[in-house]
């Protein structure tokens, strides 16, 4: 049977209940093109939009693109092409539009049969990608956190996200293996990064006025220092290095009280060892707005701000940037 999602996409007139069925079960159009060329062309069509959505919605664009490739046969299925543009096999109607197509389902005994089902019809690939992101972010009507394990801020990397999807988005026990292979073969993790000229187009400011840099980014003895340490009196107000949305405002045994902000260019800044956090998750902040107070919470030897810049919301070390270089390039 198909996987009932029980969530609605709201429009001005309708709220349509959706269901996902892998497009491998839908009759596909044949093609004489080489599969790699077809896939690369498909990635070219959706890659930039997927990157933008991923950065905005805290999702792995690499996983999004891999799912679209797998579910739509690299955009070659009848459903994924004009005028339907449904690249994720989403059942139901979208803004009142749907198309009836044959699909294969299985009963409780695993017997496969062919039936007719209504699938969402979109105006373009972008609408299909945005609808997918809304599903992953909003989850099911009875469980909004159903797909939360795939978010960048929760999944440590794309492999954690694809594993979480297996058995949830698709029942295929090898679903994550297929997605991981596509991500590796087509180097889709490039789409998880902010655009290459991020530092040239984004202005950041120091989160403290006239601080003393007591520790720089990089190797420090046998350990690696993830950011820079800025010494300042306890209680000094910390300001946002740039405008953005607060994605974390909590406590960590090492960082103590800390805040992270996702910026429009896709970079995330982190402010640690705070005496007190002054913002909440989801809050939009402006550059220079007060977000916390300097402190010495967590693993700290004295009042200071530990400041990091990361390409990924997951905060993995591999995606860290030297904060000094980011600031100097503005």
C-alpha atoms as a PDB file:
ATOM      1  CA  UNK A   1       0.000   0.000   0.000  1.00  0.00           C
ATOM      2  CA  UNK A   2       1.064   3.609  -0.447  1.00  0.00           C
ATOM      3  CA  UNK A   3       2.423   5.574   2.494  1.00  0.00           C
ATOM      4  CA  UNK A   4      -0.277   7.866   3.864  1.00  0.00           C
ATOM      5  CA  UNK A   5       1.217  11.149   4.998  1.00  0.00           C
ATOM      6  CA  UNK A   6      -1.843  12.893   6.360  1.00  0.00           C
ATOM      7  CA  UNK A   7      -0.563  16.417   5.848  1.00  0.00           C
ATOM      8  CA  UNK A   8      -2.065  19.253   3.892  1.00  0.00           C
ATOM      9  CA  UNK A   9      -0.608  21.895   1.623  1.00  0.00           C
ATOM     10  CA  UNK A  10      -2.586  25.046   2.212  1.00  0.00           C
ATOM     11  CA  UNK A  11      -3.723  27.222  -0.687  1.00  0.00           C
ATOM     12  CA  UNK A  12      -6.186  30.087  -0.889  1.00  0.00           C
ATOM     13  CA  UNK A  13      -8.951  27.665  -1.673  1.00  0.00           C
ATOM     14  CA  UNK A  14      -8.019  24.140  -0.676  1.00  0.00           C
ATOM     15  CA  UNK A  15      -5.952  22.056   1.714  1.00  0.00           C
ATOM     16  CA  UNK A  16      -4.997  18.857  -0.094  1.00  0.00           C
ATOM     17  CA  UNK A  17      -4.133  15.604   1.676  1.00  0.00           C
ATOM     18  CA  UNK A  18      -1.019  14.021   0.180  1.00  0.00           C
ATOM     19  CA  UNK A  19       0.454  10.567  -0.108  1.00  0.00           C
ATOM     20  CA  UNK A  20       3.868   9.526  -1.397  1.00  0.00           C
ATOM     21  CA  UNK A  21       4.464   6.613  -3.731  1.00  0.00           C
ATOM     22  CA  UNK A  22       7.892   5.915  -5.281  1.00  0.00           C
ATOM     23  CA  UNK A  23       7.768   6.779  -8.969  1.00  0.00           C
ATOM     24  CA  UNK A  24       9.444   3.474  -9.739  1.00  0.00           C
ATOM     25  CA  UNK A  25       5.927   2.053  -9.419  1.00  0.00           C
ATOM     26  CA  UNK A  26       4.493   4.417 -12.026  1.00  0.00           C
ATOM     27  CA  UNK A  27       4.636   3.690 -15.740  1.00  0.00           C
ATOM     28  CA  UNK A  28       7.624   5.581 -17.159  1.00  0.00           C
ATOM     29  CA  UNK A  29       8.336   7.023 -20.574  1.00  0.00           C
ATOM     30  CA  UNK A  30      11.168   5.291 -22.371  1.00  0.00           C
ATOM     31  CA  UNK A  31      14.312   7.189 -23.319  1.00  0.00           C
ATOM     32  CA  UNK A  32      17.301   6.447 -25.535  1.00  0.00           C
ATOM     33  CA  UNK A  33      19.594   8.924 -23.791  1.00  0.00           C
ATOM     34  CA  UNK A  34      22.498   7.709 -21.714  1.00  0.00           C
ATOM     35  CA  UNK A  35      21.403   7.582 -18.081  1.00  0.00           C
ATOM     36  CA  UNK A  36      24.341   9.615 -16.784  1.00  0.00           C
ATOM     37  CA  UNK A  37      23.732  12.434 -19.276  1.00  0.00           C
ATOM     38  CA  UNK A  38      20.034  12.433 -18.407  1.00  0.00           C
ATOM     39  CA  UNK A  39      20.772  12.537 -14.679  1.00  0.00           C
ATOM     40  CA  UNK A  40      23.337  15.310 -14.992  1.00  0.00           C
ATOM     41  CA  UNK A  41      20.907  17.380 -17.055  1.00  0.00           C
ATOM     42  CA  UNK A  42      18.203  16.809 -14.446  1.00  0.00           C
ATOM     43  CA  UNK A  43      20.550  17.871 -11.631  1.00  0.00           C
ATOM     44  CA  UNK A  44      21.368  21.015 -13.604  1.00  0.00           C
ATOM     45  CA  UNK A  45      17.653  21.843 -13.791  1.00  0.00           C
ATOM     46  CA  UNK A  46      16.875  21.442 -10.075  1.00  0.00           C
ATOM     47  CA  UNK A  47      20.233  21.871  -8.336  1.00  0.00           C
ATOM     48  CA  UNK A  48      20.245  25.621  -7.686  1.00  0.00           C
ATOM     49  CA  UNK A  49      16.634  25.645  -6.481  1.00  0.00           C
ATOM     50  CA  UNK A  50      17.313  22.672  -4.202  1.00  0.00           C
ATOM     51  CA  UNK A  51      20.396  24.426  -2.800  1.00  0.00           C
ATOM     52  CA  UNK A  52      18.413  27.592  -2.051  1.00  0.00           C
ATOM     53  CA  UNK A  53      15.579  25.663  -0.403  1.00  0.00           C
ATOM     54  CA  UNK A  54      18.007  23.536   1.596  1.00  0.00           C
ATOM     55  CA  UNK A  55      19.814  26.584   2.965  1.00  0.00           C
ATOM     56  CA  UNK A  56      16.541  28.290   3.845  1.00  0.00           C
ATOM     57  CA  UNK A  57      14.741  25.283   5.337  1.00  0.00           C
ATOM     58  CA  UNK A  58      17.564  23.511   7.228  1.00  0.00           C
ATOM     59  CA  UNK A  59      17.562  20.546   4.815  1.00  0.00           C
ATOM     60  CA  UNK A  60      20.241  18.597   2.940  1.00  0.00           C
ATOM     61  CA  UNK A  61      19.896  19.598  -0.715  1.00  0.00           C
ATOM     62  CA  UNK A  62      21.971  16.540  -1.592  1.00  0.00           C
ATOM     63  CA  UNK A  63      19.291  14.263  -0.149  1.00  0.00           C
ATOM     64  CA  UNK A  64      16.516  16.252  -1.810  1.00  0.00           C
ATOM     65  CA  UNK A  65      18.168  15.967  -5.233  1.00  0.00           C
ATOM     66  CA  UNK A  66      18.968  12.267  -4.776  1.00  0.00           C
ATOM     67  CA  UNK A  67      15.356  11.526  -3.875  1.00  0.00           C
ATOM     68  CA  UNK A  68      14.145  13.444  -6.915  1.00  0.00           C
ATOM     69  CA  UNK A  69      16.517  11.446  -9.147  1.00  0.00           C
ATOM     70  CA  UNK A  70      15.450   8.137  -7.661  1.00  0.00           C
ATOM     71  CA  UNK A  71      11.724   8.836  -7.486  1.00  0.00           C
ATOM     72  CA  UNK A  72      11.414  10.376 -10.966  1.00  0.00           C
ATOM     73  CA  UNK A  73      13.931   8.331 -12.924  1.00  0.00           C
ATOM     74  CA  UNK A  74      16.054  11.463 -13.395  1.00  0.00           C
ATOM     75  CA  UNK A  75      13.020  13.396 -14.557  1.00  0.00           C
ATOM     76  CA  UNK A  76      12.060  10.818 -17.201  1.00  0.00           C
ATOM     77  CA  UNK A  77       8.829   9.503 -15.662  1.00  0.00           C
ATOM     78  CA  UNK A  78       5.575  10.685 -17.195  1.00  0.00           C
ATOM     79  CA  UNK A  79       4.517  12.204 -13.880  1.00  0.00           C
ATOM     80  CA  UNK A  80       7.698  14.237 -13.452  1.00  0.00           C
ATOM     81  CA  UNK A  81       7.487  15.938 -16.820  1.00  0.00           C
ATOM     82  CA  UNK A  82       5.291  18.760 -18.091  1.00  0.00           C
ATOM     83  CA  UNK A  83       2.506  19.466 -17.385  1.00  0.00           C
ATOM     84  CA  UNK A  84       2.706  17.631 -14.030  1.00  0.00           C
ATOM     85  CA  UNK A  85       6.248  18.314 -12.698  1.00  0.00           C
ATOM     86  CA  UNK A  86       5.711  15.882  -9.783  1.00  0.00           C
ATOM     87  CA  UNK A  87       9.258  14.651  -9.070  1.00  0.00           C
ATOM     88  CA  UNK A  88       8.606  13.045  -5.662  1.00  0.00           C
ATOM     89  CA  UNK A  89       5.552  10.885  -6.421  1.00  0.00           C
ATOM     90  CA  UNK A  90       3.237  12.862  -4.164  1.00  0.00           C
ATOM     91  CA  UNK A  91      -0.393  11.713  -4.248  1.00  0.00           C
ATOM     92  CA  UNK A  92      -3.404  13.946  -3.837  1.00  0.00           C
ATOM     93  CA  UNK A  93      -4.045  17.414  -5.218  1.00  0.00           C
ATOM     94  CA  UNK A  94      -1.997  20.590  -5.031  1.00  0.00           C
ATOM     95  CA  UNK A  95      -3.942  23.832  -5.150  1.00  0.00           C
ATOM     96  CA  UNK A  96      -6.840  21.928  -6.656  1.00  0.00           C
ATOM     97  CA  UNK A  97      -4.803  20.289  -9.434  1.00  0.00           C
ATOM     98  CA  UNK A  98      -4.144  16.570  -9.826  1.00  0.00           C
ATOM     99  CA  UNK A  99      -3.782  13.882 -12.482  1.00  0.00           C
ATOM    100  CA  UNK A 100      -5.118  10.314 -12.493  1.00  0.00           C
ATOM    101  CA  UNK A 101      -2.425   7.783 -13.411  1.00  0.00           C
ATOM    102  CA  UNK A 102      -1.900   4.021 -13.050  1.00  0.00           C
ATOM    103  CA  UNK A 103       0.277   2.963 -10.140  1.00  0.00           C
ATOM    104  CA  UNK A 104       1.298  -0.282  -8.488  1.00  0.00           C
ATOM    105  CA  UNK A 105       0.401  -0.941  -4.864  1.00  0.00           C
ATOM    106  CA  UNK A 106       0.825  -3.939  -2.570  1.00  0.00           C
ATOM    107  CA  UNK A 107      -1.693  -5.479  -0.222  1.00  0.00           C
ATOM    108  CA  UNK A 108      -1.131  -6.723   3.343  1.00  0.00           C
ATOM    109  CA  UNK A 109       0.311  -9.982   1.999  1.00  0.00           C
ATOM    110  CA  UNK A 110       2.773  -8.160  -0.222  1.00  0.00           C
ATOM    111  CA  UNK A 111       0.913  -8.972  -3.448  1.00  0.00           C
ATOM    112  CA  UNK A 112       1.361  -6.293  -6.090  1.00  0.00           C
ATOM    113  CA  UNK A 113      -1.599  -4.976  -8.069  1.00  0.00           C
ATOM    114  CA  UNK A 114      -2.196  -2.086 -10.465  1.00  0.00           C
ATOM    115  CA  UNK A 115      -4.717   0.618  -9.654  1.00  0.00           C
ATOM    116  CA  UNK A 116      -5.489   4.237 -10.477  1.00  0.00           C
ATOM    117  CA  UNK A 117      -4.446   7.077  -8.173  1.00  0.00           C
ATOM    118  CA  UNK A 118      -4.535  10.866  -8.228  1.00  0.00           C
ATOM    119  CA  UNK A 119      -1.145  12.561  -8.084  1.00  0.00           C
ATOM    120  CA  UNK A 120      -0.370  16.206  -7.384  1.00  0.00           C
ATOM    121  CA  UNK A 121       0.206  18.464 -10.359  1.00  0.00           C
ATOM    122  CA  UNK A 122       2.601  21.419 -10.015  1.00  0.00           C
ATOM    123  CA  UNK A 123       3.355  24.389 -12.236  1.00  0.00           C
ATOM    124  CA  UNK A 124       7.083  23.698 -12.297  1.00  0.00           C
ATOM    125  CA  UNK A 125       9.953  21.878 -10.558  1.00  0.00           C
ATOM    126  CA  UNK A 126      10.354  24.678  -8.034  1.00  0.00           C
ATOM    127  CA  UNK A 127       6.787  24.216  -6.793  1.00  0.00           C
ATOM    128  CA  UNK A 128       7.384  20.463  -6.436  1.00  0.00           C
ATOM    129  CA  UNK A 129      10.607  21.038  -4.489  1.00  0.00           C
ATOM    130  CA  UNK A 130       8.953  23.570  -2.193  1.00  0.00           C
ATOM    131  CA  UNK A 131       6.053  21.202  -1.510  1.00  0.00           C
ATOM    132  CA  UNK A 132       8.543  18.457  -0.621  1.00  0.00           C
ATOM    133  CA  UNK A 133      10.378  20.799   1.771  1.00  0.00           C
ATOM    134  CA  UNK A 134       7.084  21.730   3.413  1.00  0.00           C
ATOM    135  CA  UNK A 135       6.331  18.068   3.975  1.00  0.00           C
ATOM    136  CA  UNK A 136       9.740  17.335   5.508  1.00  0.00           C
ATOM    137  CA  UNK A 137       9.539  20.408   7.759  1.00  0.00           C
ATOM    138  CA  UNK A 138       5.880  20.057   8.823  1.00  0.00           C
ATOM    139  CA  UNK A 139       5.707  16.266   9.058  1.00  0.00           C
ATOM    140  CA  UNK A 140       2.368  14.514   9.418  1.00  0.00           C
ATOM    141  CA  UNK A 141      -0.851  15.966  10.776  1.00  0.00           C
ATOM    142  CA  UNK A 142      -0.624  13.681  13.821  1.00  0.00           C
ATOM    143  CA  UNK A 143       3.183  13.941  14.136  1.00  0.00           C
ATOM    144  CA  UNK A 144       4.782  17.221  12.993  1.00  0.00           C
ATOM    145  CA  UNK A 145       8.247  15.906  13.898  1.00  0.00           C
ATOM    146  CA  UNK A 146       7.905  12.767  11.745  1.00  0.00           C
ATOM    147  CA  UNK A 147      10.782  13.789   9.433  1.00  0.00           C
ATOM    148  CA  UNK A 148      12.748  15.913  11.910  1.00  0.00           C
ATOM    149  CA  UNK A 149      15.607  13.417  11.915  1.00  0.00           C
ATOM    150  CA  UNK A 150      16.485  14.519   8.371  1.00  0.00           C
ATOM    151  CA  UNK A 151      17.010  18.188   9.232  1.00  0.00           C
ATOM    152  CA  UNK A 152      20.558  19.550   9.107  1.00  0.00           C
ATOM    153  CA  UNK A 153      20.307  20.742  12.683  1.00  0.00           C
ATOM    154  CA  UNK A 154      19.471  17.169  13.784  1.00  0.00           C
ATOM    155  CA  UNK A 155      21.198  14.811  11.320  1.00  0.00           C
ATOM    156  CA  UNK A 156      24.999  14.973  11.613  1.00  0.00           C
ATOM    157  CA  UNK A 157      25.435  14.440   7.870  1.00  0.00           C
ATOM    158  CA  UNK A 158      23.526  13.370   4.772  1.00  0.00           C
ATOM    159  CA  UNK A 159      23.937   9.657   5.569  1.00  0.00           C
ATOM    160  CA  UNK A 160      22.114  10.115   8.870  1.00  0.00           C
ATOM    161  CA  UNK A 161      19.323  11.841   6.969  1.00  0.00           C
ATOM    162  CA  UNK A 162      18.977   9.103   4.344  1.00  0.00           C
ATOM    163  CA  UNK A 163      18.949   6.397   7.036  1.00  0.00           C
ATOM    164  CA  UNK A 164      16.166   8.253   8.825  1.00  0.00           C
ATOM    165  CA  UNK A 165      14.100   8.393   5.629  1.00  0.00           C
ATOM    166  CA  UNK A 166      14.279   4.623   5.163  1.00  0.00           C
ATOM    167  CA  UNK A 167      11.076   3.093   6.486  1.00  0.00           C
ATOM    168  CA  UNK A 168       9.486   6.543   6.767  1.00  0.00           C
ATOM    169  CA  UNK A 169       9.460   8.133   3.341  1.00  0.00           C
ATOM    170  CA  UNK A 170       9.869   4.771   1.586  1.00  0.00           C
ATOM    171  CA  UNK A 171       9.481   1.191   2.750  1.00  0.00           C
ATOM    172  CA  UNK A 172      12.422  -0.087   0.672  1.00  0.00           C
ATOM    173  CA  UNK A 173      14.996  -1.302   3.260  1.00  0.00           C
ATOM    174  CA  UNK A 174      17.775  -0.317   0.845  1.00  0.00           C
ATOM    175  CA  UNK A 175      16.414   3.182   0.206  1.00  0.00           C
ATOM    176  CA  UNK A 176      19.280   4.933   2.012  1.00  0.00           C
ATOM    177  CA  UNK A 177      21.889   2.895   0.147  1.00  0.00           C
ATOM    178  CA  UNK A 178      20.436   3.973  -3.195  1.00  0.00           C
ATOM    179  CA  UNK A 179      20.332   7.612  -2.127  1.00  0.00           C
ATOM    180  CA  UNK A 180      23.875   7.536  -0.713  1.00  0.00           C
ATOM    181  CA  UNK A 181      25.194   6.037  -3.961  1.00  0.00           C
ATOM    182  CA  UNK A 182      23.596   8.814  -6.012  1.00  0.00           C
ATOM    183  CA  UNK A 183      24.957  11.473  -3.660  1.00  0.00           C
ATOM    184  CA  UNK A 184      28.489  10.080  -3.942  1.00  0.00           C
ATOM    185  CA  UNK A 185      28.423   9.386  -7.702  1.00  0.00           C
ATOM    186  CA  UNK A 186      27.161  12.849  -8.599  1.00  0.00           C
ATOM    187  CA  UNK A 187      28.959  14.748  -5.806  1.00  0.00           C
ATOM    188  CA  UNK A 188      25.672  16.163  -4.589  1.00  0.00           C
ATOM    189  CA  UNK A 189      27.118  17.364  -1.274  1.00  0.00           C
ATOM    190  CA  UNK A 190      28.338  20.413  -3.213  1.00  0.00           C
ATOM    191  CA  UNK A 191      24.718  21.557  -3.124  1.00  0.00           C
ATOM    192  CA  UNK A 192      24.715  21.448   0.683  1.00  0.00           C
ATOM    193  CA  UNK A 193      27.179  24.324   0.753  1.00  0.00           C
ATOM    194  CA  UNK A 194      26.456  28.016   0.436  1.00  0.00           C
ATOM    195  CA  UNK A 195      27.312  29.589  -2.905  1.00  0.00           C
ATOM    196  CA  UNK A 196      31.028  29.918  -3.555  1.00  0.00           C
ATOM    197  CA  UNK A 197      31.136  33.712  -3.420  1.00  0.00           C
ATOM    198  CA  UNK A 198      29.396  33.882  -0.052  1.00  0.00           C
ATOM    199  CA  UNK A 199      32.132  35.880   1.650  1.00  0.00           C
ATOM    200  CA  UNK A 200      32.241  38.438  -1.175  1.00  0.00           C
ATOM    201  CA  UNK A 201      28.492  39.134  -0.976  1.00  0.00           C
ATOM    202  CA  UNK A 202      27.841  39.066   2.771  1.00  0.00           C
ATOM    203  CA  UNK A 203      28.938  41.599   5.361  1.00  0.00           C
ATOM    204  CA  UNK A 204      29.644  40.423   8.903  1.00  0.00           C
ATOM    205  CA  UNK A 205      30.672  42.447  11.937  1.00  0.00           C
ATOM    206  CA  UNK A 206      32.469  41.497  15.129  1.00  0.00           C
ATOM    207  CA  UNK A 207      29.982  40.286  17.748  1.00  0.00           C
ATOM    208  CA  UNK A 208      31.791  42.396  20.386  1.00  0.00           C
ATOM    209  CA  UNK A 209      33.179  45.920  20.266  1.00  0.00           C
ATOM    210  CA  UNK A 210      36.981  46.100  20.571  1.00  0.00           C
ATOM    211  CA  UNK A 211      37.555  42.588  21.959  1.00  0.00           C
ATOM    212  CA  UNK A 212      40.894  40.956  22.672  1.00  0.00           C
ATOM    213  CA  UNK A 213      41.490  37.799  20.607  1.00  0.00           C
ATOM    214  CA  UNK A 214      42.892  35.265  23.068  1.00  0.00           C
ATOM    215  CA  UNK A 215      42.749  32.182  20.851  1.00  0.00           C
ATOM    216  CA  UNK A 216      42.620  31.807  17.070  1.00  0.00           C
ATOM    217  CA  UNK A 217      41.046  29.237  14.737  1.00  0.00           C
ATOM    218  CA  UNK A 218      42.845  25.973  13.945  1.00  0.00           C
ATOM    219  CA  UNK A 219      45.174  23.540  15.626  1.00  0.00           C
ATOM    220  CA  UNK A 220      45.942  24.263  19.265  1.00  0.00           C
ATOM    221  CA  UNK A 221      48.445  21.719  20.532  1.00  0.00           C
ATOM    222  CA  UNK A 222      46.942  18.270  20.060  1.00  0.00           C
ATOM    223  CA  UNK A 223      43.422  19.633  19.660  1.00  0.00           C
ATOM    224  CA  UNK A 224      41.584  21.701  17.067  1.00  0.00           C
ATOM    225  CA  UNK A 225      40.050  25.029  18.043  1.00  0.00           C
ATOM    226  CA  UNK A 226      36.821  25.449  16.110  1.00  0.00           C
ATOM    227  CA  UNK A 227      36.601  29.239  16.258  1.00  0.00           C
ATOM    228  CA  UNK A 228      38.092  32.298  17.910  1.00  0.00           C
ATOM    229  CA  UNK A 229      37.947  33.358  21.554  1.00  0.00           C
ATOM    230  CA  UNK A 230      37.211  37.000  22.326  1.00  0.00           C
ATOM    231  CA  UNK A 231      37.949  38.137  25.883  1.00  0.00           C
ATOM    232  CA  UNK A 232      35.528  40.641  27.383  1.00  0.00           C
ATOM    233  CA  UNK A 233      34.031  41.539  30.753  1.00  0.00           C
ATOM    234  CA  UNK A 234      31.223  39.324  31.996  1.00  0.00           C
ATOM    235  CA  UNK A 235      27.805  40.714  31.176  1.00  0.00           C
ATOM    236  CA  UNK A 236      28.940  42.580  28.057  1.00  0.00           C
ATOM    237  CA  UNK A 237      26.247  42.464  25.396  1.00  0.00           C
ATOM    238  CA  UNK A 238      26.923  40.197  22.403  1.00  0.00           C
ATOM    239  CA  UNK A 239      25.570  41.327  19.033  1.00  0.00           C
ATOM    240  CA  UNK A 240      24.569  39.306  15.968  1.00  0.00           C
ATOM    241  CA  UNK A 241      27.356  39.302  13.390  1.00  0.00           C
ATOM    242  CA  UNK A 242      24.746  39.467  10.663  1.00  0.00           C
ATOM    243  CA  UNK A 243      21.002  39.336  10.140  1.00  0.00           C
ATOM    244  CA  UNK A 244      19.328  35.947  10.229  1.00  0.00           C
ATOM    245  CA  UNK A 245      17.163  33.463  12.119  1.00  0.00           C
ATOM    246  CA  UNK A 246      18.025  31.961  15.507  1.00  0.00           C
ATOM    247  CA  UNK A 247      18.293  28.172  15.124  1.00  0.00           C
ATOM    248  CA  UNK A 248      19.569  27.294  18.606  1.00  0.00           C
ATOM    249  CA  UNK A 249      19.440  29.005  21.993  1.00  0.00           C
ATOM    250  CA  UNK A 250      20.232  26.382  24.589  1.00  0.00           C
ATOM    251  CA  UNK A 251      22.911  24.828  26.832  1.00  0.00           C
ATOM    252  CA  UNK A 252      25.769  22.477  25.919  1.00  0.00           C
ATOM    253  CA  UNK A 253      28.252  20.887  28.388  1.00  0.00           C
ATOM    254  CA  UNK A 254      31.199  22.353  26.477  1.00  0.00           C
ATOM    255  CA  UNK A 255      29.772  25.539  24.950  1.00  0.00           C
ATOM    256  CA  UNK A 256      27.624  26.372  27.953  1.00  0.00           C
ATOM    257  CA  UNK A 257      24.799  28.734  27.059  1.00  0.00           C
ATOM    258  CA  UNK A 258      25.062  29.299  23.311  1.00  0.00           C
ATOM    259  CA  UNK A 259      23.197  30.708  20.325  1.00  0.00           C
ATOM    260  CA  UNK A 260      23.382  29.888  16.623  1.00  0.00           C
ATOM    261  CA  UNK A 261      22.083  32.063  13.801  1.00  0.00           C
ATOM    262  CA  UNK A 262      21.393  30.970  10.218  1.00  0.00           C
ATOM    263  CA  UNK A 263      22.161  33.818   7.801  1.00  0.00           C
ATOM    264  CA  UNK A 264      20.634  34.439   4.348  1.00  0.00           C
ATOM    265  CA  UNK A 265      23.832  33.277   2.587  1.00  0.00           C
ATOM    266  CA  UNK A 266      23.607  29.861   4.266  1.00  0.00           C
ATOM    267  CA  UNK A 267      26.356  30.360   6.841  1.00  0.00           C
ATOM    268  CA  UNK A 268      25.712  29.704  10.523  1.00  0.00           C
ATOM    269  CA  UNK A 269      27.403  31.682  13.305  1.00  0.00           C
ATOM    270  CA  UNK A 270      27.769  30.346  16.855  1.00  0.00           C
ATOM    271  CA  UNK A 271      28.156  32.312  20.105  1.00  0.00           C
ATOM    272  CA  UNK A 272      29.210  30.243  23.134  1.00  0.00           C
ATOM    273  CA  UNK A 273      29.900  30.426  26.916  1.00  0.00           C
ATOM    274  CA  UNK A 274      27.204  33.077  27.313  1.00  0.00           C
ATOM    275  CA  UNK A 275      26.091  34.169  30.748  1.00  0.00           C
ATOM    276  CA  UNK A 276      22.546  34.451  29.417  1.00  0.00           C
ATOM    277  CA  UNK A 277      20.852  33.957  26.064  1.00  0.00           C
ATOM    278  CA  UNK A 278      18.563  36.856  25.117  1.00  0.00           C
ATOM    279  CA  UNK A 279      16.859  35.334  22.048  1.00  0.00           C
ATOM    280  CA  UNK A 280      14.659  32.348  21.242  1.00  0.00           C
ATOM    281  CA  UNK A 281      14.701  29.739  18.474  1.00  0.00           C
ATOM    282  CA  UNK A 282      12.914  30.993  15.387  1.00  0.00           C
ATOM    283  CA  UNK A 283      13.431  34.649  16.222  1.00  0.00           C
ATOM    284  CA  UNK A 284      14.558  36.889  13.349  1.00  0.00           C
ATOM    285  CA  UNK A 285      17.432  39.173  14.344  1.00  0.00           C
ATOM    286  CA  UNK A 286      19.131  42.104  12.671  1.00  0.00           C
ATOM    287  CA  UNK A 287      22.864  42.681  12.387  1.00  0.00           C
ATOM    288  CA  UNK A 288      24.095  44.297  15.599  1.00  0.00           C
ATOM    289  CA  UNK A 289      21.045  43.227  17.616  1.00  0.00           C
ATOM    290  CA  UNK A 290      21.799  42.029  21.156  1.00  0.00           C
ATOM    291  CA  UNK A 291      21.465  38.259  21.400  1.00  0.00           C
ATOM    292  CA  UNK A 292      23.312  37.245  24.603  1.00  0.00           C
ATOM    293  CA  UNK A 293      25.641  38.334  27.414  1.00  0.00           C
ATOM    294  CA  UNK A 294      29.313  37.425  27.746  1.00  0.00           C
ATOM    295  CA  UNK A 295      29.887  34.775  30.397  1.00  0.00           C
ATOM    296  CA  UNK A 296      31.941  31.729  31.321  1.00  0.00           C
ATOM    297  CA  UNK A 297      29.443  28.858  31.223  1.00  0.00           C
ATOM    298  CA  UNK A 298      30.311  25.366  30.056  1.00  0.00           C
ATOM    299  CA  UNK A 299      33.958  24.382  29.565  1.00  0.00           C
ATOM    300  CA  UNK A 300      35.488  27.807  30.129  1.00  0.00           C
ATOM    301  CA  UNK A 301      38.307  29.288  32.229  1.00  0.00           C
ATOM    302  CA  UNK A 302      37.055  32.865  32.287  1.00  0.00           C
ATOM    303  CA  UNK A 303      34.647  35.381  30.734  1.00  0.00           C
ATOM    304  CA  UNK A 304      34.903  35.380  26.946  1.00  0.00           C
ATOM    305  CA  UNK A 305      32.956  34.726  23.751  1.00  0.00           C
ATOM    306  CA  UNK A 306      33.745  31.684  21.639  1.00  0.00           C
ATOM    307  CA  UNK A 307      32.708  32.562  18.065  1.00  0.00           C
ATOM    308  CA  UNK A 308      32.380  30.130  15.140  1.00  0.00           C
ATOM    309  CA  UNK A 309      31.341  30.310  11.477  1.00  0.00           C
ATOM    310  CA  UNK A 310      30.110  27.176   9.718  1.00  0.00           C
ATOM    311  CA  UNK A 311      28.855  26.354   6.228  1.00  0.00           C
ATOM    312  CA  UNK A 312      26.510  23.744   7.704  1.00  0.00           C
ATOM    313  CA  UNK A 313      23.765  24.033  10.294  1.00  0.00           C
ATOM    314  CA  UNK A 314      24.867  20.650  11.619  1.00  0.00           C
ATOM    315  CA  UNK A 315      28.035  22.432  12.861  1.00  0.00           C
ATOM    316  CA  UNK A 316      30.329  19.627  11.691  1.00  0.00           C
ATOM    317  CA  UNK A 317      34.040  20.403  11.877  1.00  0.00           C
ATOM    318  CA  UNK A 318      34.557  19.721   8.155  1.00  0.00           C
ATOM    319  CA  UNK A 319      32.377  22.725   7.265  1.00  0.00           C
ATOM    320  CA  UNK A 320      33.970  25.257   9.627  1.00  0.00           C
ATOM    321  CA  UNK A 321      35.461  28.518   8.359  1.00  0.00           C
ATOM    322  CA  UNK A 322      38.065  30.747  10.003  1.00  0.00           C
ATOM    323  CA  UNK A 323      35.979  33.594  11.488  1.00  0.00           C
ATOM    324  CA  UNK A 324      38.862  36.043  11.032  1.00  0.00           C
ATOM    325  CA  UNK A 325      38.958  35.349   7.280  1.00  0.00           C
ATOM    326  CA  UNK A 326      35.187  35.743   6.996  1.00  0.00           C
ATOM    327  CA  UNK A 327      35.333  39.074   8.811  1.00  0.00           C
ATOM    328  CA  UNK A 328      38.371  40.324   6.876  1.00  0.00           C
ATOM    329  CA  UNK A 329      36.731  39.556   3.528  1.00  0.00           C
ATOM    330  CA  UNK A 330      33.928  42.020   4.229  1.00  0.00           C
END
